[in-house]
Amino acid sequence: GLAGHLSGAPLRARAVLVVATPCPLILAVPIAFMSGISRAARRGILIKDGTTLEALAGVKQVFLDKTGTLTSGHARLQSIEVNGLSDPQRLLGLAASLAQASTHPICQAIVEAAHQRRLPLSVPQVVEESPGSGLCGRVDGQQVRFGTLSFAHEGAAATDWVAAMLRHMDYLACSGSFIDVDGKLVGLLVFSDNVRRETPQTLRRLRNRGIEKIVMLTGDRLETAEMIALSAGIDELRAGLTPEDKVRAVQQAGLHASTLMVGDGINDAPALAAANVGVAMGASGATASAQAAGVVLLVDRLDRLVEALDIARRTRSIARQGVLAGMGMSLLAMG
């Protein structure tokens, strides 16, 4: 209207109206984001929507679960320690029978070890799983509990055998599951799970891309987790956490900077949902964690996280360039 009034030419008013189109603003961002999501998918990185892609580009703090994320997630049963005269094979059979009811990597390792030894397994009954703690249920008429010491058998920390087992795990930097049968602490299953080969390099690359802090969250004991943290190059370690503790840690950090949480198990799903961006190791992770996450790594490699960050930042840059260049040209043409 102003152009037509000042020039006295209705044709100019129509020309200004045509070139004032907001198409660069409307189309540049969605097209760039869809291209970025497509490019990520070709690398085995599933990004659920453009909002997640934009949030990923602005991440400043990274939180990582230990088992299955920093480590390979393929835990192996290293030894069976017994308290008293219990039969190690019998204890493994009871634990494996109960472990059939869970998809946790440790439970899968127990069942696999029992199958390798060709132990007969029973169907567990009345099974209850406490995420981050352990399993309990009835096997062949016996009440079986296994998991963390506090979950398996409360008040057992003062015994000499328990103290010796804790020192043993700390020395080997291994995790373990205590076994309680009918109210008596009878054994310990010790597991080894190595750090992924690409983990140290991946963390260095994340720092090079401006990540301010890398934190490891784990339910393992501090002494056991320290060796993993040192070998991986973690900035901060928080151990002995429940799933609720992980959620609080992520939420508190989110008050100061944009956060990203990486995990692979059902225990990690609440923390993935609490972060600005949740990343699930979907190749071997639980369905719950994949559903709670905005990004799923379909390839079982942690270094795909760096690629996802690079793609997100480049996509955001291209979208901004498209908007600024397109709208700038429209304004120039209007003039």
C-alpha atoms as a PDB file:
ATOM      1  CA  GLY A   1       0.000   0.000   0.000  1.00  0.00           C
ATOM      2  CA  LEU A   2       2.820   2.420   0.866  1.00  0.00           C
ATOM      3  CA  ALA A   3       4.670   1.569  -2.375  1.00  0.00           C
ATOM      4  CA  GLY A   4       1.561   2.205  -4.457  1.00  0.00           C
ATOM      5  CA  HIS A   5       0.798   5.463  -2.621  1.00  0.00           C
ATOM      6  CA  LEU A   6       4.313   6.882  -2.973  1.00  0.00           C
ATOM      7  CA  SER A   7       4.798   5.836  -6.610  1.00  0.00           C
ATOM      8  CA  GLY A   8       1.280   6.285  -7.814  1.00  0.00           C
ATOM      9  CA  ALA A   9       1.656   3.024  -9.752  1.00  0.00           C
ATOM     10  CA  PRO A  10      -0.620   0.107  -8.716  1.00  0.00           C
ATOM     11  CA  LEU A  11       1.699  -2.260 -10.589  1.00  0.00           C
ATOM     12  CA  ARG A  12       4.532  -1.465  -8.185  1.00  0.00           C
ATOM     13  CA  ALA A  13       2.298  -2.238  -5.227  1.00  0.00           C
ATOM     14  CA  ARG A  14       1.594  -5.661  -6.720  1.00  0.00           C
ATOM     15  CA  ALA A  15       5.312  -6.257  -7.433  1.00  0.00           C
ATOM     16  CA  VAL A  16       6.260  -5.432  -3.836  1.00  0.00           C
ATOM     17  CA  LEU A  17       3.501  -7.752  -2.620  1.00  0.00           C
ATOM     18  CA  VAL A  18       4.836 -10.608  -4.762  1.00  0.00           C
ATOM     19  CA  VAL A  19       8.471 -10.292  -3.656  1.00  0.00           C
ATOM     20  CA  ALA A  20       7.481  -9.851  -0.008  1.00  0.00           C
ATOM     21  CA  THR A  21       6.645 -13.578   0.169  1.00  0.00           C
ATOM     22  CA  PRO A  22       7.799 -15.291   3.397  1.00  0.00           C
ATOM     23  CA  CYS A  23       8.635 -18.496   1.510  1.00  0.00           C
ATOM     24  CA  PRO A  24      12.328 -18.422   2.622  1.00  0.00           C
ATOM     25  CA  LEU A  25      11.178 -18.266   6.232  1.00  0.00           C
ATOM     26  CA  ILE A  26       8.492 -20.936   5.791  1.00  0.00           C
ATOM     27  CA  LEU A  27      10.520 -23.391   3.705  1.00  0.00           C
ATOM     28  CA  ALA A  28      14.200 -22.945   4.618  1.00  0.00           C
ATOM     29  CA  VAL A  29      13.978 -24.334   8.158  1.00  0.00           C
ATOM     30  CA  PRO A  30      11.801 -27.436   7.516  1.00  0.00           C
ATOM     31  CA  ILE A  31      13.734 -28.404   4.395  1.00  0.00           C
ATOM     32  CA  ALA A  32      17.090 -28.046   6.162  1.00  0.00           C
ATOM     33  CA  PHE A  33      15.860 -30.017   9.189  1.00  0.00           C
ATOM     34  CA  MET A  34      14.374 -32.811   7.089  1.00  0.00           C
ATOM     35  CA  SER A  35      17.642 -33.048   5.168  1.00  0.00           C
ATOM     36  CA  GLY A  36      19.588 -33.202   8.441  1.00  0.00           C
ATOM     37  CA  ILE A  37      17.323 -35.933   9.828  1.00  0.00           C
ATOM     38  CA  SER A  38      17.714 -37.889   6.582  1.00  0.00           C
ATOM     39  CA  ARG A  39      21.485 -37.540   6.632  1.00  0.00           C
ATOM     40  CA  ALA A  40      21.616 -38.726  10.242  1.00  0.00           C
ATOM     41  CA  ALA A  41      19.426 -41.726   9.397  1.00  0.00           C
ATOM     42  CA  ARG A  42      21.907 -42.823   6.729  1.00  0.00           C
ATOM     43  CA  ARG A  43      24.517 -43.015   9.505  1.00  0.00           C
ATOM     44  CA  GLY A  44      22.305 -45.121  11.765  1.00  0.00           C
ATOM     45  CA  ILE A  45      21.160 -42.161  13.900  1.00  0.00           C
ATOM     46  CA  LEU A  46      17.398 -41.813  14.317  1.00  0.00           C
ATOM     47  CA  ILE A  47      16.380 -38.242  15.247  1.00  0.00           C
ATOM     48  CA  LYS A  48      12.664 -38.100  15.966  1.00  0.00           C
ATOM     49  CA  ASP A  49      11.828 -34.500  15.009  1.00  0.00           C
ATOM     50  CA  GLY A  50      13.186 -31.069  14.167  1.00  0.00           C
ATOM     51  CA  THR A  51      12.791 -29.779  17.730  1.00  0.00           C
ATOM     52  CA  THR A  52      15.123 -32.521  18.964  1.00  0.00           C
ATOM     53  CA  LEU A  53      17.605 -31.734  16.183  1.00  0.00           C
ATOM     54  CA  GLU A  54      17.679 -28.060  17.149  1.00  0.00           C
ATOM     55  CA  ALA A  55      18.076 -28.891  20.860  1.00  0.00           C
ATOM     56  CA  LEU A  56      20.910 -31.301  20.029  1.00  0.00           C
ATOM     57  CA  ALA A  57      22.817 -28.502  18.311  1.00  0.00           C
ATOM     58  CA  GLY A  58      22.800 -26.455  21.519  1.00  0.00           C
ATOM     59  CA  VAL A  59      23.936 -29.125  23.999  1.00  0.00           C
ATOM     60  CA  LYS A  60      26.640 -28.062  26.497  1.00  0.00           C
ATOM     61  CA  GLN A  61      26.652 -30.885  29.090  1.00  0.00           C
ATOM     62  CA  VAL A  62      26.709 -34.631  28.446  1.00  0.00           C
ATOM     63  CA  PHE A  63      25.628 -37.287  30.954  1.00  0.00           C
ATOM     64  CA  LEU A  64      26.515 -40.926  30.294  1.00  0.00           C
ATOM     65  CA  ASP A  65      25.350 -44.146  31.879  1.00  0.00           C
ATOM     66  CA  LYS A  66      28.117 -46.695  32.445  1.00  0.00           C
ATOM     67  CA  THR A  67      26.861 -50.180  31.576  1.00  0.00           C
ATOM     68  CA  GLY A  68      26.150 -50.525  27.875  1.00  0.00           C
ATOM     69  CA  THR A  69      27.082 -46.919  27.124  1.00  0.00           C
ATOM     70  CA  LEU A  70      30.672 -46.254  28.207  1.00  0.00           C
ATOM     71  CA  THR A  71      31.211 -50.001  28.406  1.00  0.00           C
ATOM     72  CA  SER A  72      30.350 -52.550  25.740  1.00  0.00           C
ATOM     73  CA  GLY A  73      27.259 -53.804  27.562  1.00  0.00           C
ATOM     74  CA  HIS A  74      28.348 -57.396  26.880  1.00  0.00           C
ATOM     75  CA  ALA A  75      29.061 -58.357  30.473  1.00  0.00           C
ATOM     76  CA  ARG A  76      30.697 -61.726  31.145  1.00  0.00           C
ATOM     77  CA  LEU A  77      30.404 -63.795  34.281  1.00  0.00           C
ATOM     78  CA  GLN A  78      33.948 -63.804  35.638  1.00  0.00           C
ATOM     79  CA  SER A  79      33.551 -65.810  38.828  1.00  0.00           C
ATOM     80  CA  ILE A  80      31.066 -67.231  41.337  1.00  0.00           C
ATOM     81  CA  GLU A  81      31.988 -66.511  44.956  1.00  0.00           C
ATOM     82  CA  VAL A  82      30.176 -68.525  47.642  1.00  0.00           C
ATOM     83  CA  ASN A  83      29.512 -67.697  51.282  1.00  0.00           C
ATOM     84  CA  GLY A  84      29.842 -70.953  53.186  1.00  0.00           C
ATOM     85  CA  LEU A  85      29.288 -74.374  51.642  1.00  0.00           C
ATOM     86  CA  SER A  86      26.848 -73.421  48.886  1.00  0.00           C
ATOM     87  CA  ASP A  87      27.160 -75.078  45.481  1.00  0.00           C
ATOM     88  CA  PRO A  88      28.296 -72.440  42.917  1.00  0.00           C
ATOM     89  CA  GLN A  89      26.443 -74.127  40.056  1.00  0.00           C
ATOM     90  CA  ARG A  90      23.256 -74.291  42.110  1.00  0.00           C
ATOM     91  CA  LEU A  91      23.504 -70.576  42.896  1.00  0.00           C
ATOM     92  CA  LEU A  92      24.044 -69.732  39.235  1.00  0.00           C
ATOM     93  CA  GLY A  93      21.028 -71.847  38.282  1.00  0.00           C
ATOM     94  CA  LEU A  94      18.787 -70.047  40.776  1.00  0.00           C
ATOM     95  CA  ALA A  95      20.004 -66.616  39.682  1.00  0.00           C
ATOM     96  CA  ALA A  96      19.702 -67.470  35.979  1.00  0.00           C
ATOM     97  CA  SER A  97      16.171 -68.824  36.448  1.00  0.00           C
ATOM     98  CA  LEU A  98      15.151 -65.517  38.011  1.00  0.00           C
ATOM     99  CA  ALA A  99      17.169 -63.459  35.494  1.00  0.00           C
ATOM    100  CA  GLN A 100      15.100 -64.840  32.614  1.00  0.00           C
ATOM    101  CA  ALA A 101      12.409 -62.317  33.568  1.00  0.00           C
ATOM    102  CA  SER A 102      14.606 -59.273  32.808  1.00  0.00           C
ATOM    103  CA  THR A 103      16.256 -57.778  29.722  1.00  0.00           C
ATOM    104  CA  HIS A 104      19.036 -56.033  31.676  1.00  0.00           C
ATOM    105  CA  PRO A 105      22.539 -56.772  30.264  1.00  0.00           C
ATOM    106  CA  ILE A 106      23.641 -58.297  33.584  1.00  0.00           C
ATOM    107  CA  CYS A 107      20.626 -60.618  33.616  1.00  0.00           C
ATOM    108  CA  GLN A 108      21.316 -61.635  30.035  1.00  0.00           C
ATOM    109  CA  ALA A 109      24.927 -62.397  30.999  1.00  0.00           C
ATOM    110  CA  ILE A 110      23.754 -64.611  33.880  1.00  0.00           C
ATOM    111  CA  VAL A 111      21.376 -66.571  31.648  1.00  0.00           C
ATOM    112  CA  GLU A 112      24.052 -66.952  28.965  1.00  0.00           C
ATOM    113  CA  ALA A 113      26.555 -68.264  31.536  1.00  0.00           C
ATOM    114  CA  ALA A 114      24.007 -70.817  32.753  1.00  0.00           C
ATOM    115  CA  HIS A 115      23.311 -71.973  29.197  1.00  0.00           C
ATOM    116  CA  GLN A 116      27.032 -72.371  28.525  1.00  0.00           C
ATOM    117  CA  ARG A 117      27.261 -74.637  31.582  1.00  0.00           C
ATOM    118  CA  ARG A 118      24.095 -76.454  30.434  1.00  0.00           C
ATOM    119  CA  LEU A 119      22.318 -75.861  33.728  1.00  0.00           C
ATOM    120  CA  PRO A 120      18.575 -76.622  33.872  1.00  0.00           C
ATOM    121  CA  LEU A 121      16.544 -73.462  34.459  1.00  0.00           C
ATOM    122  CA  SER A 122      13.168 -73.196  36.153  1.00  0.00           C
ATOM    123  CA  VAL A 123      10.319 -70.796  35.482  1.00  0.00           C
ATOM    124  CA  PRO A 124      10.389 -67.998  38.090  1.00  0.00           C
ATOM    125  CA  GLN A 125       7.238 -66.898  39.867  1.00  0.00           C
ATOM    126  CA  VAL A 126       6.091 -63.640  41.495  1.00  0.00           C
ATOM    127  CA  VAL A 127       9.035 -61.756  39.981  1.00  0.00           C
ATOM    128  CA  GLU A 128       9.559 -58.116  40.945  1.00  0.00           C
ATOM    129  CA  GLU A 129      12.247 -55.925  39.402  1.00  0.00           C
ATOM    130  CA  SER A 130      13.576 -52.818  41.113  1.00  0.00           C
ATOM    131  CA  PRO A 131      15.260 -50.737  38.381  1.00  0.00           C
ATOM    132  CA  GLY A 132      18.870 -50.082  39.295  1.00  0.00           C
ATOM    133  CA  SER A 133      18.756 -52.471  42.264  1.00  0.00           C
ATOM    134  CA  GLY A 134      17.920 -56.048  41.340  1.00  0.00           C
ATOM    135  CA  LEU A 135      15.343 -58.833  41.031  1.00  0.00           C
ATOM    136  CA  CYS A 136      13.394 -60.909  43.518  1.00  0.00           C
ATOM    137  CA  GLY A 137      11.015 -63.830  43.099  1.00  0.00           C
ATOM    138  CA  ARG A 138      10.405 -67.492  43.814  1.00  0.00           C
ATOM    139  CA  VAL A 139      12.373 -70.262  42.086  1.00  0.00           C
ATOM    140  CA  ASP A 140      11.584 -73.911  42.874  1.00  0.00           C
ATOM    141  CA  GLY A 141       9.817 -72.854  46.061  1.00  0.00           C
ATOM    142  CA  GLN A 142      12.741 -70.736  47.304  1.00  0.00           C
ATOM    143  CA  GLN A 143      12.709 -66.967  47.716  1.00  0.00           C
ATOM    144  CA  VAL A 144      15.616 -65.608  45.663  1.00  0.00           C
ATOM    145  CA  ARG A 145      16.939 -62.069  45.548  1.00  0.00           C
ATOM    146  CA  PHE A 146      19.961 -60.804  43.642  1.00  0.00           C
ATOM    147  CA  GLY A 147      21.402 -57.400  42.811  1.00  0.00           C
ATOM    148  CA  THR A 148      23.060 -54.718  44.880  1.00  0.00           C
ATOM    149  CA  LEU A 149      24.071 -55.600  48.426  1.00  0.00           C
ATOM    150  CA  SER A 150      21.443 -53.354  50.024  1.00  0.00           C
ATOM    151  CA  PHE A 151      18.727 -54.863  47.817  1.00  0.00           C
ATOM    152  CA  ALA A 152      19.744 -58.521  48.128  1.00  0.00           C
ATOM    153  CA  HIS A 153      20.364 -58.589  51.849  1.00  0.00           C
ATOM    154  CA  GLU A 154      20.006 -55.600  54.120  1.00  0.00           C
ATOM    155  CA  GLY A 155      22.435 -55.350  57.002  1.00  0.00           C
ATOM    156  CA  ALA A 156      25.041 -57.662  55.447  1.00  0.00           C
ATOM    157  CA  ALA A 157      27.725 -55.019  54.969  1.00  0.00           C
ATOM    158  CA  ALA A 158      29.303 -55.658  58.376  1.00  0.00           C
ATOM    159  CA  THR A 159      30.339 -59.289  57.765  1.00  0.00           C
ATOM    160  CA  ASP A 160      33.945 -60.182  56.951  1.00  0.00           C
ATOM    161  CA  TRP A 161      32.933 -62.090  53.827  1.00  0.00           C
ATOM    162  CA  VAL A 162      31.024 -59.118  52.383  1.00  0.00           C
ATOM    163  CA  ALA A 163      33.918 -56.757  53.115  1.00  0.00           C
ATOM    164  CA  ALA A 164      36.323 -59.143  51.380  1.00  0.00           C
ATOM    165  CA  MET A 165      34.048 -59.422  48.333  1.00  0.00           C
ATOM    166  CA  LEU A 166      33.722 -55.646  48.038  1.00  0.00           C
ATOM    167  CA  ARG A 167      37.510 -55.279  48.146  1.00  0.00           C
ATOM    168  CA  HIS A 168      37.806 -58.037  45.543  1.00  0.00           C
ATOM    169  CA  MET A 169      35.454 -56.203  43.158  1.00  0.00           C
ATOM    170  CA  ASP A 170      37.249 -52.900  43.723  1.00  0.00           C
ATOM    171  CA  TYR A 171      40.619 -54.479  42.967  1.00  0.00           C
ATOM    172  CA  LEU A 172      39.369 -55.999  39.705  1.00  0.00           C
ATOM    173  CA  ALA A 173      37.220 -52.924  38.839  1.00  0.00           C
ATOM    174  CA  CYS A 174      34.321 -55.316  38.269  1.00  0.00           C
ATOM    175  CA  SER A 175      30.649 -55.168  39.126  1.00  0.00           C
ATOM    176  CA  GLY A 176      28.781 -57.885  40.964  1.00  0.00           C
ATOM    177  CA  SER A 177      25.370 -59.164  42.036  1.00  0.00           C
ATOM    178  CA  PHE A 178      24.871 -60.566  45.521  1.00  0.00           C
ATOM    179  CA  ILE A 179      22.540 -63.565  45.862  1.00  0.00           C
ATOM    180  CA  ASP A 180      20.200 -64.120  48.800  1.00  0.00           C
ATOM    181  CA  VAL A 181      18.234 -67.359  49.152  1.00  0.00           C
ATOM    182  CA  ASP A 182      15.488 -67.597  51.781  1.00  0.00           C
ATOM    183  CA  GLY A 183      16.911 -64.680  53.746  1.00  0.00           C
ATOM    184  CA  LYS A 184      20.523 -65.896  53.763  1.00  0.00           C
ATOM    185  CA  LEU A 185      23.316 -64.226  51.776  1.00  0.00           C
ATOM    186  CA  VAL A 186      24.865 -67.166  49.941  1.00  0.00           C
ATOM    187  CA  GLY A 187      27.021 -65.845  47.111  1.00  0.00           C
ATOM    188  CA  LEU A 188      28.213 -63.231  44.678  1.00  0.00           C
ATOM    189  CA  LEU A 189      28.348 -63.217  40.879  1.00  0.00           C
ATOM    190  CA  VAL A 190      31.273 -61.120  39.589  1.00  0.00           C
ATOM    191  CA  PHE A 191      31.064 -59.633  36.075  1.00  0.00           C
ATOM    192  CA  SER A 192      33.564 -57.965  33.778  1.00  0.00           C
ATOM    193  CA  ASP A 193      32.510 -55.375  31.201  1.00  0.00           C
ATOM    194  CA  ASN A 194      35.246 -53.572  29.283  1.00  0.00           C
ATOM    195  CA  VAL A 195      35.236 -49.927  28.233  1.00  0.00           C
ATOM    196  CA  ARG A 196      34.346 -49.504  24.564  1.00  0.00           C
ATOM    197  CA  ARG A 197      37.437 -49.008  22.414  1.00  0.00           C
ATOM    198  CA  GLU A 198      36.019 -45.792  20.930  1.00  0.00           C
ATOM    199  CA  THR A 199      34.987 -44.252  24.265  1.00  0.00           C
ATOM    200  CA  PRO A 200      38.134 -42.203  25.166  1.00  0.00           C
ATOM    201  CA  GLN A 201      38.454 -40.767  21.655  1.00  0.00           C
ATOM    202  CA  THR A 202      34.728 -39.983  21.531  1.00  0.00           C
ATOM    203  CA  LEU A 203      34.907 -38.000  24.775  1.00  0.00           C
ATOM    204  CA  ARG A 204      37.924 -36.049  23.505  1.00  0.00           C
ATOM    205  CA  ARG A 205      36.058 -35.197  20.307  1.00  0.00           C
ATOM    206  CA  LEU A 206      33.056 -34.019  22.322  1.00  0.00           C
ATOM    207  CA  ARG A 207      35.279 -31.621  24.275  1.00  0.00           C
ATOM    208  CA  ASN A 208      36.776 -30.336  21.041  1.00  0.00           C
ATOM    209  CA  ARG A 209      33.251 -29.450  19.938  1.00  0.00           C
ATOM    210  CA  GLY A 210      32.616 -27.244  22.935  1.00  0.00           C
ATOM    211  CA  ILE A 211      31.007 -29.646  25.411  1.00  0.00           C
ATOM    212  CA  GLU A 212      31.694 -28.063  28.817  1.00  0.00           C
ATOM    213  CA  LYS A 213      31.218 -31.059  31.112  1.00  0.00           C
ATOM    214  CA  ILE A 214      31.020 -34.850  30.710  1.00  0.00           C
ATOM    215  CA  VAL A 215      29.504 -36.718  33.678  1.00  0.00           C
ATOM    216  CA  MET A 216      29.158 -40.458  34.297  1.00  0.00           C
ATOM    217  CA  LEU A 217      26.068 -41.621  36.192  1.00  0.00           C
ATOM    218  CA  THR A 218      26.041 -45.172  37.532  1.00  0.00           C
ATOM    219  CA  GLY A 219      24.423 -47.314  40.162  1.00  0.00           C
ATOM    220  CA  ASP A 220      27.730 -49.107  40.826  1.00  0.00           C
ATOM    221  CA  ARG A 221      29.841 -48.441  43.885  1.00  0.00           C
ATOM    222  CA  LEU A 222      32.207 -45.480  43.692  1.00  0.00           C
ATOM    223  CA  GLU A 223      35.335 -47.610  44.066  1.00  0.00           C
ATOM    224  CA  THR A 224      34.275 -49.902  41.218  1.00  0.00           C
ATOM    225  CA  ALA A 225      33.264 -47.069  38.880  1.00  0.00           C
ATOM    226  CA  GLU A 226      36.407 -44.961  39.416  1.00  0.00           C
ATOM    227  CA  MET A 227      38.604 -47.146  37.204  1.00  0.00           C
ATOM    228  CA  ILE A 228      36.105 -46.923  34.330  1.00  0.00           C
ATOM    229  CA  ALA A 229      35.884 -43.144  34.749  1.00  0.00           C
ATOM    230  CA  LEU A 230      39.671 -42.731  34.764  1.00  0.00           C
ATOM    231  CA  SER A 231      40.242 -44.892  31.693  1.00  0.00           C
ATOM    232  CA  ALA A 232      37.439 -43.178  29.759  1.00  0.00           C
ATOM    233  CA  GLY A 233      38.444 -39.620  30.677  1.00  0.00           C
ATOM    234  CA  ILE A 234      35.296 -38.518  32.545  1.00  0.00           C
ATOM    235  CA  ASP A 235      35.154 -35.015  34.085  1.00  0.00           C
ATOM    236  CA  GLU A 236      32.830 -35.945  36.944  1.00  0.00           C
ATOM    237  CA  LEU A 237      31.678 -39.263  38.422  1.00  0.00           C
ATOM    238  CA  ARG A 238      28.485 -39.843  40.377  1.00  0.00           C
ATOM    239  CA  ALA A 239      28.145 -43.399  41.652  1.00  0.00           C
ATOM    240  CA  GLY A 240      25.699 -45.395  43.742  1.00  0.00           C
ATOM    241  CA  LEU A 241      22.719 -43.685  42.096  1.00  0.00           C
ATOM    242  CA  THR A 242      19.163 -44.916  41.801  1.00  0.00           C
ATOM    243  CA  PRO A 243      17.134 -44.060  38.658  1.00  0.00           C
ATOM    244  CA  GLU A 244      15.530 -41.246  40.664  1.00  0.00           C
ATOM    245  CA  ASP A 245      18.964 -39.870  41.591  1.00  0.00           C
ATOM    246  CA  LYS A 246      19.937 -39.815  37.902  1.00  0.00           C
ATOM    247  CA  VAL A 247      16.807 -37.837  37.055  1.00  0.00           C
ATOM    248  CA  ARG A 248      17.566 -35.268  39.766  1.00  0.00           C
ATOM    249  CA  ALA A 249      21.172 -34.906  38.601  1.00  0.00           C
ATOM    250  CA  VAL A 250      20.085 -34.250  35.010  1.00  0.00           C
ATOM    251  CA  GLN A 251      17.341 -31.846  36.049  1.00  0.00           C
ATOM    252  CA  GLN A 252      19.662 -29.814  38.288  1.00  0.00           C
ATOM    253  CA  ALA A 253      22.250 -29.511  35.518  1.00  0.00           C
ATOM    254  CA  GLY A 254      19.522 -28.465  33.091  1.00  0.00           C
ATOM    255  CA  LEU A 255      18.918 -25.316  35.132  1.00  0.00           C
ATOM    256  CA  HIS A 256      22.333 -23.984  34.054  1.00  0.00           C
ATOM    257  CA  ALA A 257      22.948 -25.370  30.553  1.00  0.00           C
ATOM    258  CA  SER A 258      21.392 -27.589  27.888  1.00  0.00           C
ATOM    259  CA  THR A 259      21.860 -31.267  28.769  1.00  0.00           C
ATOM    260  CA  LEU A 260      22.174 -34.538  26.870  1.00  0.00           C
ATOM    261  CA  MET A 261      21.760 -37.948  28.497  1.00  0.00           C
ATOM    262  CA  VAL A 262      22.943 -41.209  26.924  1.00  0.00           C
ATOM    263  CA  GLY A 263      21.755 -44.590  28.185  1.00  0.00           C
ATOM    264  CA  ASP A 264      20.724 -48.032  27.011  1.00  0.00           C
ATOM    265  CA  GLY A 265      18.551 -49.694  29.636  1.00  0.00           C
ATOM    266  CA  ILE A 266      15.059 -49.380  31.087  1.00  0.00           C
ATOM    267  CA  ASN A 267      16.706 -47.884  34.194  1.00  0.00           C
ATOM    268  CA  ASP A 268      17.804 -44.912  32.101  1.00  0.00           C
ATOM    269  CA  ALA A 269      14.425 -44.051  30.565  1.00  0.00           C
ATOM    270  CA  PRO A 270      13.395 -41.471  33.223  1.00  0.00           C
ATOM    271  CA  ALA A 271      16.750 -39.672  32.970  1.00  0.00           C
ATOM    272  CA  LEU A 272      16.560 -39.678  29.159  1.00  0.00           C
ATOM    273  CA  ALA A 273      13.142 -38.033  29.362  1.00  0.00           C
ATOM    274  CA  ALA A 274      14.396 -35.457  31.892  1.00  0.00           C
ATOM    275  CA  ALA A 275      17.285 -34.243  29.712  1.00  0.00           C
ATOM    276  CA  ASN A 276      16.913 -31.643  26.969  1.00  0.00           C
ATOM    277  CA  VAL A 277      18.007 -34.399  24.575  1.00  0.00           C
ATOM    278  CA  GLY A 278      17.856 -38.101  25.422  1.00  0.00           C
ATOM    279  CA  VAL A 279      20.008 -40.496  23.387  1.00  0.00           C
ATOM    280  CA  ALA A 280      19.332 -44.239  23.535  1.00  0.00           C
ATOM    281  CA  MET A 281      21.830 -46.886  22.484  1.00  0.00           C
ATOM    282  CA  GLY A 282      19.078 -48.626  20.552  1.00  0.00           C
ATOM    283  CA  ALA A 283      21.066 -51.481  19.044  1.00  0.00           C
ATOM    284  CA  SER A 284      20.900 -53.413  22.321  1.00  0.00           C
ATOM    285  CA  GLY A 285      18.895 -51.085  24.525  1.00  0.00           C
ATOM    286  CA  ALA A 286      15.452 -51.555  25.994  1.00  0.00           C
ATOM    287  CA  THR A 287      12.321 -50.410  24.215  1.00  0.00           C
ATOM    288  CA  ALA A 288      11.445 -48.082  27.097  1.00  0.00           C
ATOM    289  CA  SER A 289      14.696 -46.128  26.769  1.00  0.00           C
ATOM    290  CA  ALA A 290      14.279 -45.861  22.990  1.00  0.00           C
ATOM    291  CA  GLN A 291      10.756 -44.505  23.427  1.00  0.00           C
ATOM    292  CA  ALA A 292      11.833 -41.940  26.037  1.00  0.00           C
ATOM    293  CA  ALA A 293      14.750 -40.680  23.935  1.00  0.00           C
ATOM    294  CA  GLY A 294      14.666 -38.102  21.174  1.00  0.00           C
ATOM    295  CA  VAL A 295      17.673 -39.697  19.452  1.00  0.00           C
ATOM    296  CA  VAL A 296      18.298 -43.423  18.970  1.00  0.00           C
ATOM    297  CA  LEU A 297      21.694 -44.748  17.886  1.00  0.00           C
ATOM    298  CA  LEU A 298      20.803 -47.786  15.795  1.00  0.00           C
ATOM    299  CA  VAL A 299      24.489 -48.701  15.496  1.00  0.00           C
ATOM    300  CA  ASP A 300      26.126 -49.971  18.672  1.00  0.00           C
ATOM    301  CA  ARG A 301      28.900 -47.355  18.594  1.00  0.00           C
ATOM    302  CA  LEU A 302      29.283 -44.398  20.941  1.00  0.00           C
ATOM    303  CA  ASP A 303      31.192 -42.315  18.362  1.00  0.00           C
ATOM    304  CA  ARG A 304      27.920 -41.913  16.428  1.00  0.00           C
ATOM    305  CA  LEU A 305      27.051 -39.400  19.145  1.00  0.00           C
ATOM    306  CA  VAL A 306      29.707 -37.008  17.803  1.00  0.00           C
ATOM    307  CA  GLU A 307      28.359 -37.433  14.279  1.00  0.00           C
ATOM    308  CA  ALA A 308      24.842 -36.635  15.507  1.00  0.00           C
ATOM    309  CA  LEU A 309      26.142 -33.456  17.158  1.00  0.00           C
ATOM    310  CA  ASP A 310      27.998 -32.406  13.996  1.00  0.00           C
ATOM    311  CA  ILE A 311      24.972 -33.025  11.777  1.00  0.00           C
ATOM    312  CA  ALA A 312      22.684 -31.098  14.141  1.00  0.00           C
ATOM    313  CA  ARG A 313      24.984 -28.069  14.284  1.00  0.00           C
ATOM    314  CA  ARG A 314      25.546 -27.990  10.536  1.00  0.00           C
ATOM    315  CA  THR A 315      21.807 -28.336   9.906  1.00  0.00           C
ATOM    316  CA  ARG A 316      21.026 -25.442  12.249  1.00  0.00           C
ATOM    317  CA  SER A 317      23.674 -23.330  10.498  1.00  0.00           C
ATOM    318  CA  ILE A 318      22.260 -24.086   7.046  1.00  0.00           C
ATOM    319  CA  ALA A 319      18.726 -23.301   8.232  1.00  0.00           C
ATOM    320  CA  ARG A 320      19.851 -19.932   9.557  1.00  0.00           C
ATOM    321  CA  GLN A 321      21.720 -19.168   6.343  1.00  0.00           C
ATOM    322  CA  GLY A 322      18.614 -20.014   4.329  1.00  0.00           C
ATOM    323  CA  VAL A 323      16.397 -17.754   6.432  1.00  0.00           C
ATOM    324  CA  LEU A 324      18.814 -14.810   6.488  1.00  0.00           C
ATOM    325  CA  ALA A 325      19.743 -15.015   2.803  1.00  0.00           C
ATOM    326  CA  GLY A 326      16.171 -15.624   1.616  1.00  0.00           C
ATOM    327  CA  MET A 327      14.552 -12.913   3.718  1.00  0.00           C
ATOM    328  CA  GLY A 328      17.425 -10.539   2.916  1.00  0.00           C
ATOM    329  CA  MET A 329      16.843 -11.014  -0.795  1.00  0.00           C
ATOM    330  CA  SER A 330      13.102 -10.467  -0.307  1.00  0.00           C
ATOM    331  CA  LEU A 331      13.727  -7.211   1.545  1.00  0.00           C
ATOM    332  CA  LEU A 332      16.206  -6.103  -1.128  1.00  0.00           C
ATOM    333  CA  ALA A 333      13.727  -6.895  -3.890  1.00  0.00           C
ATOM    334  CA  MET A 334      10.981  -5.021  -2.025  1.00  0.00           C
ATOM    335  CA  GLY A 335      13.234  -1.958  -1.870  1.00  0.00           C
END
